[in-house]
Protein backbone atom coordinates (compact mmCIF):
# COMPACT_ATOMS: atom_id res chain seq x y z
CA MET A 1 55.95 13.72 -29.67
CA LYS A 2 54.73 17.08 -28.33
CA THR A 3 51.47 15.45 -27.22
CA ASN A 4 53.35 12.72 -25.36
CA LYS A 5 55.51 15.31 -23.60
CA LEU A 6 52.43 17.29 -22.59
CA ILE A 7 50.74 14.20 -21.16
CA LEU A 8 53.93 13.27 -19.31
CA GLY A 9 54.15 16.80 -17.90
CA ILE A 10 50.58 16.67 -16.62
CA ILE A 11 51.19 13.29 -14.97
CA ILE A 12 54.35 14.58 -13.27
CA CYS A 13 52.48 17.68 -12.00
CA LEU A 14 49.70 15.53 -10.56
CA ILE A 15 52.25 13.29 -8.83
CA LEU A 16 54.04 16.29 -7.34
CA ILE A 17 50.86 17.90 -5.96
CA PRO A 18 50.81 17.20 -2.21
CA THR A 19 47.77 15.27 -1.05
CA SER A 20 46.99 18.19 1.28
CA LEU A 21 46.07 20.26 -1.77
CA ILE A 22 43.28 17.88 -2.72
CA ALA A 23 39.92 18.86 -1.20
CA GLN A 24 39.84 16.55 1.80
CA GLU A 25 36.68 17.52 3.59
CA ASN A 26 36.54 15.07 6.47
CA TRP A 27 37.57 17.99 8.67
CA LEU A 28 34.14 19.55 8.08
CA ASN A 29 32.27 16.60 9.55
CA GLU A 30 33.13 17.41 13.15
CA TYR A 31 31.40 20.81 13.20
CA LYS A 32 27.83 21.21 14.41
CA LYS A 33 27.52 24.99 14.94
CA VAL A 34 29.26 27.43 12.59
CA LEU A 35 29.44 31.23 12.62
CA VAL A 36 30.66 33.06 9.53
CA ILE A 37 31.49 36.60 10.64
CA GLY A 38 31.92 39.22 7.93
CA ALA A 39 32.35 42.97 8.10
CA HIS A 40 29.48 43.83 5.74
CA PRO A 41 26.39 42.31 4.18
CA ASP A 42 27.64 40.12 1.29
CA ASP A 43 31.03 39.31 2.89
CA PRO A 44 30.08 35.91 4.38
CA GLU A 45 28.28 34.85 1.20
CA THR A 46 31.10 35.80 -1.17
CA MET A 47 33.87 34.61 1.17
CA CYS A 48 32.57 31.11 1.78
CA GLY A 49 28.95 30.74 0.67
CA GLY A 50 29.70 27.37 -0.91
CA THR A 51 31.23 26.03 2.30
CA MET A 52 28.30 27.39 4.31
CA LEU A 53 25.91 25.50 2.06
CA LYS A 54 27.98 22.34 2.24
CA LEU A 55 28.17 22.50 6.04
CA LYS A 56 24.42 22.99 6.22
CA ALA A 57 23.89 19.97 3.93
CA MET A 58 26.11 17.97 6.29
CA GLY A 59 23.79 18.80 9.19
CA ALA A 60 25.54 21.78 10.80
CA GLU A 61 23.71 24.87 12.04
CA VAL A 62 25.15 27.83 10.13
CA VAL A 63 24.81 31.49 11.11
CA SER A 64 25.83 34.49 9.01
CA VAL A 65 27.02 37.37 11.22
CA TYR A 66 27.44 40.93 9.92
CA LEU A 67 29.65 43.30 11.91
CA THR A 68 27.95 46.27 10.23
CA SER A 69 24.83 46.75 8.15
CA GLY A 70 26.65 48.36 5.23
CA GLU A 71 25.49 51.87 6.12
CA ALA A 72 28.07 53.60 3.93
CA GLY A 73 27.73 51.19 1.04
CA ILE A 74 25.18 52.87 -1.24
CA LYS A 75 26.16 56.11 -2.92
CA GLY A 76 23.52 58.83 -2.54
CA LYS A 77 21.74 57.09 0.32
CA SER A 78 21.76 58.10 3.98
CA HIS A 79 23.12 55.64 6.49
CA GLU A 80 19.60 54.78 7.62
CA GLU A 81 18.38 54.24 4.07
CA ALA A 82 21.38 52.09 3.19
CA ARG A 83 21.02 50.08 6.40
CA THR A 84 17.42 49.25 5.58
CA ILE A 85 18.25 48.19 2.01
CA ARG A 86 21.33 46.18 2.84
CA GLN A 87 19.82 44.37 5.81
CA ALA A 88 16.91 43.33 3.59
CA GLU A 89 19.35 42.06 0.95
CA ALA A 90 21.30 40.11 3.55
CA LEU A 91 18.14 38.55 4.95
CA GLN A 92 17.13 37.48 1.45
CA ALA A 93 20.59 36.00 0.84
CA CYS A 94 20.40 34.08 4.11
CA LYS A 95 16.92 32.84 3.22
CA THR A 96 18.32 31.61 -0.10
CA MET A 97 20.99 29.63 1.77
CA GLY A 98 18.70 28.59 4.62
CA VAL A 99 20.88 30.13 7.35
CA LYS A 100 20.22 32.53 10.20
CA ALA A 101 21.39 36.16 10.10
CA ILE A 102 22.71 38.26 12.99
CA PHE A 103 23.59 41.97 12.72
CA LEU A 104 26.02 43.54 15.18
CA SER A 105 26.02 47.25 15.99
CA GLN A 106 29.12 48.67 14.29
CA THR A 107 28.95 51.23 11.47
CA ASP A 108 30.24 50.62 7.97
CA GLY A 109 33.41 52.61 7.34
CA ASN A 110 33.75 53.58 10.99
CA THR A 111 34.40 50.28 12.74
CA GLU A 112 36.24 50.32 16.04
CA VAL A 113 38.61 48.21 18.08
CA ASN A 114 38.17 49.06 21.75
CA LYS A 115 37.16 47.50 25.05
CA GLU A 116 33.45 47.77 24.32
CA ARG A 117 33.75 46.24 20.85
CA TYR A 118 35.88 43.38 22.12
CA ALA A 119 33.19 42.69 24.72
CA GLU A 120 30.42 42.79 22.10
CA MET A 121 32.11 40.15 19.94
CA LYS A 122 32.94 37.97 22.92
CA ALA A 123 29.32 38.15 24.13
CA LEU A 124 28.01 37.13 20.71
CA ILE A 125 30.25 34.08 20.57
CA GLU A 126 29.46 33.09 24.15
CA GLN A 127 25.76 33.33 23.34
CA GLU A 128 25.94 31.33 20.09
CA LYS A 129 28.46 28.73 21.32
CA PRO A 130 29.96 27.78 17.93
CA ASP A 131 32.52 25.04 17.48
CA MET A 132 33.74 26.69 14.26
CA VAL A 133 34.10 30.34 13.22
CA ILE A 134 35.15 31.64 9.81
CA THR A 135 36.12 35.29 9.40
CA HIS A 136 38.27 37.62 7.31
CA TRP A 137 42.00 37.13 6.82
CA PRO A 138 43.52 39.98 8.88
CA ILE A 139 45.81 41.28 6.12
CA ASP A 140 43.27 43.05 3.96
CA SER A 141 43.02 46.37 2.16
CA HIS A 142 39.63 47.11 3.74
CA ARG A 143 39.90 48.49 7.26
CA ASP A 144 36.54 47.02 8.32
CA HIS A 145 37.74 43.55 7.32
CA ARG A 146 40.87 43.97 9.44
CA VAL A 147 38.82 45.18 12.41
CA CYS A 148 36.48 42.21 12.09
CA ALA A 149 39.37 39.75 12.07
CA ILE A 150 41.01 41.37 15.12
CA LEU A 151 37.80 41.26 17.16
CA VAL A 152 37.12 37.62 16.31
CA TYR A 153 40.71 36.60 17.03
CA ASP A 154 40.55 38.25 20.44
CA ALA A 155 37.24 36.54 21.23
CA TRP A 156 38.83 33.22 20.29
CA ARG A 157 41.67 33.80 22.73
CA GLN A 158 39.39 35.12 25.48
CA SER A 159 37.14 32.08 25.11
CA GLY A 160 40.05 29.79 25.92
CA TYR A 161 40.18 28.56 22.31
CA SER A 162 36.71 27.06 22.68
CA PHE A 163 36.13 26.94 18.91
CA ASP A 164 38.22 26.36 15.81
CA LEU A 165 39.04 29.59 13.97
CA TYR A 166 39.42 29.77 10.20
CA TYR A 167 40.17 32.66 7.85
CA GLY A 168 38.67 33.04 4.36
CA GLU A 169 39.36 35.36 1.46
CA VAL A 170 37.43 38.10 -0.32
CA MET A 171 38.53 39.35 -3.77
CA THR A 172 42.10 38.17 -3.27
CA GLY A 173 44.72 40.56 -4.62
CA ILE A 174 42.33 43.50 -4.44
CA GLN A 175 41.25 43.12 -0.83
CA THR A 176 42.68 39.96 0.79
CA GLN A 177 46.50 40.05 0.65
CA ASN A 178 49.25 37.43 1.13
CA PHE A 179 46.72 34.63 1.54
CA THR A 180 48.28 31.16 1.30
CA PRO A 181 45.59 28.60 2.12
CA THR A 182 46.07 25.35 3.99
CA LEU A 183 42.61 23.82 3.48
CA TRP A 184 40.28 23.59 0.50
CA VAL A 185 36.60 22.78 -0.02
CA ASN A 186 35.05 21.57 -3.26
CA ILE A 187 32.03 23.82 -3.80
CA THR A 188 31.20 22.73 -7.35
CA ASP A 189 27.78 21.34 -6.37
CA TYR A 190 26.96 24.56 -4.49
CA LYS A 191 28.35 27.13 -6.91
CA ALA A 192 24.98 28.06 -8.43
CA GLN A 193 23.23 28.44 -5.07
CA LYS A 194 26.11 30.49 -3.67
CA GLU A 195 25.88 32.79 -6.65
CA LYS A 196 22.12 33.12 -6.25
CA ALA A 197 22.67 34.13 -2.62
CA TYR A 198 25.28 36.82 -3.17
CA MET A 199 23.43 38.22 -6.17
CA CYS A 200 20.69 39.20 -3.68
CA HIS A 201 22.95 42.13 -2.80
CA GLU A 202 21.77 44.13 -5.80
CA SER A 203 22.82 47.47 -4.32
CA GLN A 204 26.47 46.38 -4.51
CA GLY A 205 26.66 45.87 -8.27
CA MET A 206 27.31 42.17 -7.90
CA THR A 207 27.20 41.61 -11.67
CA ASP A 208 30.41 43.64 -11.95
CA ILE A 209 32.02 41.91 -8.95
CA LYS A 210 31.02 38.37 -9.94
CA PRO A 211 33.96 37.81 -12.37
CA TYR A 212 36.44 38.33 -9.52
CA HIS A 213 34.75 35.66 -7.42
CA ASP A 214 34.44 33.30 -10.37
CA ALA A 215 38.17 33.59 -11.03
CA MET A 216 39.02 33.02 -7.37
CA GLU A 217 36.76 29.96 -7.15
CA ARG A 218 38.24 28.50 -10.34
CA MET A 219 41.79 29.09 -9.05
CA ARG A 220 41.04 27.38 -5.73
CA GLY A 221 39.29 24.61 -7.62
CA LEU A 222 42.41 23.99 -9.69
CA GLU A 223 44.49 23.85 -6.53
CA CYS A 224 42.32 21.10 -5.07
CA GLN A 225 41.59 19.36 -8.38
CA THR A 226 37.93 20.32 -8.59
CA GLN A 227 35.98 22.72 -10.79
CA TYR A 228 35.24 25.31 -8.10
CA GLY A 229 36.71 25.63 -4.65
CA GLU A 230 37.01 27.81 -1.57
CA ALA A 231 40.14 27.99 0.54
CA PHE A 232 40.94 28.65 4.19
CA ILE A 233 43.69 29.03 6.74
CA LYS A 234 43.22 27.49 10.18
CA GLN A 235 44.51 29.54 13.10
CA ASN A 236 47.00 27.62 15.21
CA TRP A 237 46.57 27.49 18.96
CA GLY A 238 49.50 29.80 19.64
CA LYS A 239 49.36 30.96 23.24
């Protein structure tokens, strides 16, 4: 009897799950040039490395953009030493995924929102001409993540909404806050390669951080009825 009730409960839950929660990925097909803009080396890879790999497999050109070079991210190292190490790690991660890397000129832990920084982000996007950009969710415990999101959002508006803007998550609950996704991607087939890419960032103790990303990917996978998933929010065209 208990078994029958359990099976019935599972069936009811599956019926009640809206079809929008299932990983419907036709929306990815339309994109040919994608920028993933993160605040630090390792942010794009951990935020949506599986989706980056899937987009690339679907024929899109994918570029990983780093707002900073992680200058303040290695204890006991000078900014210049850390920059050298972390740029090399990011380049190796991008090589693993087969994507291009671009480093902007801001400094880890001291990012700015001002006229010059708005112009820098706008110029990058005008130069690269993406039809899709993924960046940080703006409600985040890390100031650099919030700055990155603000700059990208402004560039989207200043460009006349010339690309579709999506937000991803990084260590939800610890960094990303109040994130309620509207789109999901099944990354099960790309999980191992994503992990290989972000583990290139050895200076960041990725072995300790990995369980957080595993849990997040499993949670998003459950939401879209897959083993591993990544989730996003699409920015509406509010004027």
